[in-house]
Amino acid sequence: MLYYALVFLVVAIIAGVLGFGGIAGASAGIAQILFFLFLAFLVISLIAGLFRSRV
């Protein structure tokens, strides 16, 4: 998932440099959503790992 967030970020940067504002904004928005989903899953996994190791 982090890979796709980075891909959309690169697409947004390239589109922004070339002047495609709409595509750049959409790609940046998708990259931001994927990044925060990745962070949420990371935190959930860390918490689950802590509880699993204590039992």
N, C-alpha and C. Protein backbone atom coordinates (compact mmCIF):
# COMPACT_ATOMS: atom_id res chain seq x y z
N MET A 1 0.82 -1.18 0.00
CA MET A 1 0.00 0.00 0.00
C MET A 1 0.87 1.26 0.00
N LEU A 2 1.96 1.20 0.72
CA LEU A 2 2.87 2.34 0.73
C LEU A 2 3.48 2.54 -0.66
N TYR A 3 3.69 1.45 -1.37
CA TYR A 3 4.22 1.53 -2.74
C TYR A 3 3.27 2.33 -3.63
N TYR A 4 1.96 2.03 -3.53
CA TYR A 4 1.00 2.74 -4.37
C TYR A 4 0.89 4.21 -3.97
N ALA A 5 1.03 4.50 -2.69
CA ALA A 5 1.02 5.89 -2.26
C ALA A 5 2.20 6.65 -2.87
N LEU A 6 3.36 6.01 -2.90
CA LEU A 6 4.53 6.66 -3.51
C LEU A 6 4.37 6.80 -5.02
N VAL A 7 3.75 5.82 -5.66
CA VAL A 7 3.52 5.90 -7.11
C VAL A 7 2.61 7.09 -7.42
N PHE A 8 1.50 7.23 -6.67
CA PHE A 8 0.60 8.34 -6.91
C PHE A 8 1.26 9.67 -6.60
N LEU A 9 2.15 9.70 -5.60
CA LEU A 9 2.87 10.93 -5.29
C LEU A 9 3.79 11.33 -6.45
N VAL A 10 4.48 10.36 -7.02
CA VAL A 10 5.36 10.65 -8.16
C VAL A 10 4.54 11.13 -9.36
N VAL A 11 3.39 10.49 -9.60
CA VAL A 11 2.51 10.92 -10.70
C VAL A 11 2.04 12.36 -10.46
N ALA A 12 1.71 12.67 -9.21
CA ALA A 12 1.26 14.03 -8.89
C ALA A 12 2.37 15.05 -9.12
N ILE A 13 3.59 14.71 -8.74
CA ILE A 13 4.71 15.63 -8.95
C ILE A 13 4.97 15.84 -10.43
N ILE A 14 4.98 14.77 -11.19
CA ILE A 14 5.23 14.89 -12.64
C ILE A 14 4.11 15.67 -13.31
N ALA A 15 2.86 15.39 -12.95
CA ALA A 15 1.74 16.11 -13.55
C ALA A 15 1.77 17.58 -13.16
N GLY A 16 2.18 17.87 -11.93
CA GLY A 16 2.28 19.27 -11.50
C GLY A 16 3.35 20.03 -12.26
N VAL A 17 4.48 19.37 -12.51
CA VAL A 17 5.56 20.01 -13.26
C VAL A 17 5.14 20.27 -14.70
N LEU A 18 4.37 19.35 -15.27
CA LEU A 18 3.95 19.50 -16.66
C LEU A 18 2.73 20.40 -16.82
N GLY A 19 2.13 20.81 -15.70
CA GLY A 19 1.03 21.76 -15.79
C GLY A 19 -0.36 21.15 -15.77
N PHE A 20 -0.48 19.90 -15.44
CA PHE A 20 -1.79 19.25 -15.37
C PHE A 20 -2.28 19.33 -13.92
N GLY A 21 -2.90 20.45 -13.57
CA GLY A 21 -3.29 20.70 -12.18
C GLY A 21 -4.34 19.75 -11.65
N GLY A 22 -5.33 19.41 -12.47
CA GLY A 22 -6.40 18.53 -12.02
C GLY A 22 -5.90 17.13 -11.72
N ILE A 23 -5.07 16.61 -12.60
CA ILE A 23 -4.51 15.27 -12.41
C ILE A 23 -3.57 15.27 -11.22
N ALA A 24 -2.80 16.33 -11.07
CA ALA A 24 -1.86 16.42 -9.95
C ALA A 24 -2.61 16.47 -8.63
N GLY A 25 -3.68 17.22 -8.56
CA GLY A 25 -4.46 17.31 -7.33
C GLY A 25 -5.12 15.99 -6.97
N ALA A 26 -5.67 15.32 -7.98
CA ALA A 26 -6.32 14.03 -7.74
C ALA A 26 -5.30 12.99 -7.29
N SER A 27 -4.16 12.95 -7.93
CA SER A 27 -3.13 11.98 -7.56
C SER A 27 -2.59 12.26 -6.16
N ALA A 28 -2.42 13.51 -5.83
CA ALA A 28 -1.93 13.86 -4.50
C ALA A 28 -2.97 13.48 -3.44
N GLY A 29 -4.23 13.66 -3.74
CA GLY A 29 -5.29 13.27 -2.81
C GLY A 29 -5.32 11.77 -2.58
N ILE A 30 -5.20 11.00 -3.65
CA ILE A 30 -5.18 9.54 -3.54
C ILE A 30 -3.96 9.09 -2.76
N ALA A 31 -2.81 9.71 -3.04
CA ALA A 31 -1.59 9.35 -2.31
C ALA A 31 -1.73 9.64 -0.83
N GLN A 32 -2.36 10.74 -0.49
CA GLN A 32 -2.55 11.10 0.92
C GLN A 32 -3.47 10.11 1.61
N ILE A 33 -4.56 9.72 0.97
CA ILE A 33 -5.48 8.74 1.55
C ILE A 33 -4.79 7.41 1.75
N LEU A 34 -4.05 6.95 0.76
CA LEU A 34 -3.35 5.66 0.89
C LEU A 34 -2.29 5.71 1.98
N PHE A 35 -1.60 6.83 2.12
CA PHE A 35 -0.58 6.96 3.15
C PHE A 35 -1.20 6.87 4.54
N PHE A 36 -2.33 7.56 4.76
CA PHE A 36 -2.96 7.52 6.07
C PHE A 36 -3.57 6.15 6.35
N LEU A 37 -4.07 5.47 5.33
CA LEU A 37 -4.53 4.09 5.52
C LEU A 37 -3.36 3.18 5.93
N PHE A 38 -2.21 3.38 5.28
CA PHE A 38 -1.02 2.62 5.64
C PHE A 38 -0.64 2.87 7.10
N LEU A 39 -0.65 4.11 7.52
CA LEU A 39 -0.32 4.43 8.91
C LEU A 39 -1.31 3.80 9.89
N ALA A 40 -2.60 3.84 9.55
CA ALA A 40 -3.61 3.24 10.42
C ALA A 40 -3.38 1.73 10.55
N PHE A 41 -3.13 1.06 9.44
CA PHE A 41 -2.88 -0.38 9.48
C PHE A 41 -1.59 -0.70 10.23
N LEU A 42 -0.60 0.16 10.12
CA LEU A 42 0.65 -0.04 10.85
C LEU A 42 0.41 0.03 12.35
N VAL A 43 -0.33 1.03 12.79
CA VAL A 43 -0.61 1.18 14.22
C VAL A 43 -1.44 0.00 14.72
N ILE A 44 -2.44 -0.42 13.97
CA ILE A 44 -3.26 -1.58 14.37
C ILE A 44 -2.40 -2.83 14.46
N SER A 45 -1.51 -3.02 13.52
CA SER A 45 -0.63 -4.20 13.55
C SER A 45 0.31 -4.17 14.74
N LEU A 46 0.85 -2.99 15.06
CA LEU A 46 1.74 -2.88 16.21
C LEU A 46 1.01 -3.17 17.52
N ILE A 47 -0.19 -2.64 17.65
CA ILE A 47 -0.98 -2.89 18.86
C ILE A 47 -1.35 -4.36 18.97
N ALA A 48 -1.76 -4.96 17.87
CA ALA A 48 -2.10 -6.39 17.88
C ALA A 48 -0.87 -7.22 18.22
N GLY A 49 0.29 -6.84 17.74
CA GLY A 49 1.52 -7.56 18.06
C GLY A 49 1.90 -7.45 19.52
N LEU A 50 1.65 -6.30 20.12
CA LEU A 50 1.93 -6.13 21.55
C LEU A 50 1.02 -7.01 22.40
N PHE A 51 -0.27 -7.05 22.04
CA PHE A 51 -1.20 -7.88 22.80
C PHE A 51 -0.93 -9.36 22.59
N ARG A 52 -0.52 -9.73 21.40
CA ARG A 52 -0.25 -11.14 21.11
C ARG A 52 1.00 -11.62 21.87
N SER A 53 2.00 -10.78 22.00
CA SER A 53 3.24 -11.19 22.67
C SER A 53 3.06 -11.30 24.19
N ARG A 54 2.08 -10.61 24.75
CA ARG A 54 1.86 -10.65 26.19
C ARG A 54 1.00 -11.83 26.62
N VAL A 55 0.28 -12.43 25.70
CA VAL A 55 -0.61 -13.55 26.07
C VAL A 55 0.09 -14.86 25.99
